[in-house]
Amino acid sequence: MRNPECFGFPFGCVAVVAAATVAGLGSARHHGLSLVALGLVVLVTGVVTTATAAAGTAVIAWGVYSGFTAGTLGALEFTAETGLAAAVFTGATATGVLAGAAQRGRWLQRAAAMVTTAMKDPPTFEVGSIRTPSL
C-alpha cells in the first residue's frame, strides 16, 4: 500500500488540514484531541509513504498545531506544549516509517529465515564446486 510516487507529501498536507478541521483547531478545549488527530495523520503518512514525506508532514502538522491550536491567527509559538507536540510528531514519524518498512518488506521475517537457513545448512566449499543454502 506504499505510495512511492510524488504524492506522499501532498497527501500528508491535505490529511493534516482535514484532521485539523475535524478536531476543531483554535478551540482551547481541544488541544489533546488535536494533538492525537495530527499525530495519527503523521503516523499513517509514515506507514503509507516515504520517510521524507512523513517528515515533511510532521513539520506541517507541528506548524498547524503551534499556529492554530496553541497559538492564534497562525502565529507560531515555541512553548513547552509545542515542544511536546514536536516530540509526539517525531515519534509518530519514526514509528510510522519503521512500521511501514516492516509491513512492506517483512524484513524481520526474511532476516530470520536467512539466519536460520545459514545455521541449519551452512555453505560448504569444496574444490571444484560451490554449494550455497537455498532461501
Protein backbone atom coordinates (compact mmCIF):
# COMPACT_ATOMS: atom_id res chain seq x y z
CA MET A 1 0.00 0.00 0.00
CA ARG A 2 3.04 2.24 -0.08
CA ASN A 3 2.83 5.17 -2.47
CA PRO A 4 6.36 5.69 -3.80
CA GLU A 5 5.30 8.41 -6.21
CA CYS A 6 5.37 12.13 -5.56
CA PHE A 7 2.02 12.24 -3.77
CA GLY A 8 3.14 11.40 -0.23
CA PHE A 9 3.76 14.93 0.98
CA PRO A 10 0.62 16.44 -0.61
CA PHE A 11 -1.37 13.54 0.85
CA GLY A 12 0.03 14.36 4.28
CA CYS A 13 -0.70 18.07 3.96
CA VAL A 14 -4.32 17.51 2.91
CA ALA A 15 -4.76 14.98 5.70
CA VAL A 16 -3.33 17.45 8.25
CA VAL A 17 -5.79 20.13 7.14
CA ALA A 18 -8.69 17.66 7.25
CA ALA A 19 -7.72 16.37 10.70
CA ALA A 20 -7.23 19.90 11.99
CA THR A 21 -10.65 20.90 10.72
CA VAL A 22 -12.37 17.86 12.21
CA ALA A 23 -10.59 18.28 15.54
CA GLY A 24 -11.75 21.88 15.76
CA LEU A 25 -8.43 23.68 15.90
CA GLY A 26 -8.48 27.08 17.50
CA SER A 27 -10.61 25.89 20.37
CA ALA A 28 -8.87 25.98 23.73
CA ARG A 29 -10.55 22.82 24.98
CA HIS A 30 -9.45 20.52 22.14
CA HIS A 31 -5.65 20.64 22.42
CA GLY A 32 -5.32 16.95 23.30
CA LEU A 33 -7.74 15.86 20.59
CA SER A 34 -5.89 17.97 18.03
CA LEU A 35 -2.54 16.51 19.07
CA VAL A 36 -3.83 12.94 18.79
CA ALA A 37 -5.54 13.57 15.43
CA LEU A 38 -2.47 15.21 13.90
CA GLY A 39 -0.19 12.54 15.38
CA LEU A 40 -2.29 9.82 13.75
CA VAL A 41 -2.05 11.61 10.41
CA VAL A 42 1.74 11.73 10.70
CA LEU A 43 1.83 8.05 11.72
CA VAL A 44 -0.32 6.93 8.79
CA THR A 45 1.69 9.08 6.39
CA GLY A 46 4.84 7.35 7.60
CA VAL A 47 3.32 3.93 7.01
CA VAL A 48 1.96 4.53 3.50
CA THR A 49 4.52 6.94 2.02
CA THR A 50 8.23 7.67 2.22
CA ALA A 51 10.24 8.84 5.21
CA THR A 52 10.80 12.23 3.58
CA ALA A 53 7.07 12.76 3.05
CA ALA A 54 6.37 11.72 6.65
CA ALA A 55 8.98 14.14 7.99
CA GLY A 56 7.56 16.97 5.90
CA THR A 57 4.07 16.14 7.09
CA ALA A 58 5.30 16.21 10.70
CA VAL A 59 6.70 19.72 10.18
CA ILE A 60 3.41 20.89 8.64
CA ALA A 61 1.43 19.26 11.46
CA TRP A 62 3.62 20.99 14.05
CA GLY A 63 3.13 24.33 12.30
CA VAL A 64 -0.63 23.89 12.23
CA TYR A 65 -0.70 22.78 15.87
CA SER A 66 1.62 25.56 17.01
CA GLY A 67 -0.05 28.25 14.95
CA PHE A 68 -3.73 27.43 15.32
CA THR A 69 -4.14 25.28 18.43
CA ALA A 70 -1.54 26.60 20.85
CA GLY A 71 -1.23 29.97 19.13
CA THR A 72 -3.71 32.26 17.50
CA LEU A 73 -4.09 33.55 13.96
CA GLY A 74 -1.32 31.31 12.64
CA ALA A 75 1.50 32.83 14.70
CA LEU A 76 3.95 30.08 15.64
CA GLU A 77 4.62 29.66 19.34
CA PHE A 78 7.63 28.00 20.91
CA THR A 79 6.39 26.78 24.29
CA ALA A 80 6.57 23.57 26.30
CA GLU A 81 3.26 22.50 24.77
CA THR A 82 4.52 22.90 21.21
CA GLY A 83 7.77 21.19 22.20
CA LEU A 84 5.72 18.21 23.38
CA ALA A 85 3.84 18.30 20.08
CA ALA A 86 7.16 18.26 18.19
CA ALA A 87 8.24 15.21 20.21
CA VAL A 88 4.93 13.44 19.52
CA PHE A 89 5.17 14.14 15.79
CA THR A 90 8.81 13.00 15.70
CA GLY A 91 7.89 9.76 17.45
CA ALA A 92 4.92 9.25 15.14
CA THR A 93 7.17 9.78 12.12
CA ALA A 94 9.75 7.25 13.32
CA THR A 95 7.13 4.70 14.32
CA GLY A 96 5.24 5.07 11.04
CA VAL A 97 8.35 4.76 8.90
CA LEU A 98 9.54 1.66 10.78
CA ALA A 99 6.07 0.09 10.73
CA GLY A 100 5.78 0.77 7.02
CA ALA A 101 9.18 -0.75 6.34
CA ALA A 102 8.32 -3.83 8.37
CA GLN A 103 4.95 -4.18 6.68
CA ARG A 104 6.25 -3.68 3.16
CA GLY A 105 9.31 -5.83 3.25
CA ARG A 106 8.66 -8.14 6.13
CA TRP A 107 12.38 -7.71 6.58
CA LEU A 108 12.40 -9.24 10.04
CA GLN A 109 10.92 -12.49 8.75
CA ARG A 110 13.32 -12.60 5.83
CA ALA A 111 16.33 -11.89 8.01
CA ALA A 112 15.31 -14.58 10.49
CA ALA A 113 14.79 -17.08 7.66
CA MET A 114 18.21 -16.32 6.22
CA VAL A 115 19.92 -16.72 9.58
CA THR A 116 18.07 -19.96 10.32
CA THR A 117 18.93 -21.38 6.92
CA ALA A 118 22.58 -20.45 7.27
CA MET A 119 22.71 -22.08 10.72
CA LYS A 120 21.00 -25.32 9.67
CA ASP A 121 22.73 -25.69 6.33
CA PRO A 122 25.98 -23.77 6.33
CA PRO A 123 27.62 -23.23 2.98
CA THR A 124 30.36 -25.69 2.17
CA PHE A 125 33.17 -25.01 -0.20
CA GLU A 126 34.79 -27.91 -1.95
CA VAL A 127 37.42 -27.83 -4.60
CA GLY A 128 35.63 -27.59 -7.94
CA SER A 129 32.11 -26.94 -6.61
CA ILE A 130 30.35 -24.32 -4.53
CA ARG A 131 27.09 -25.14 -2.77
CA THR A 132 25.02 -22.39 -1.22
CA PRO A 133 22.00 -22.77 1.01
CA SER A 134 18.60 -22.25 -0.56
CA LEU A 135 16.47 -19.45 0.78
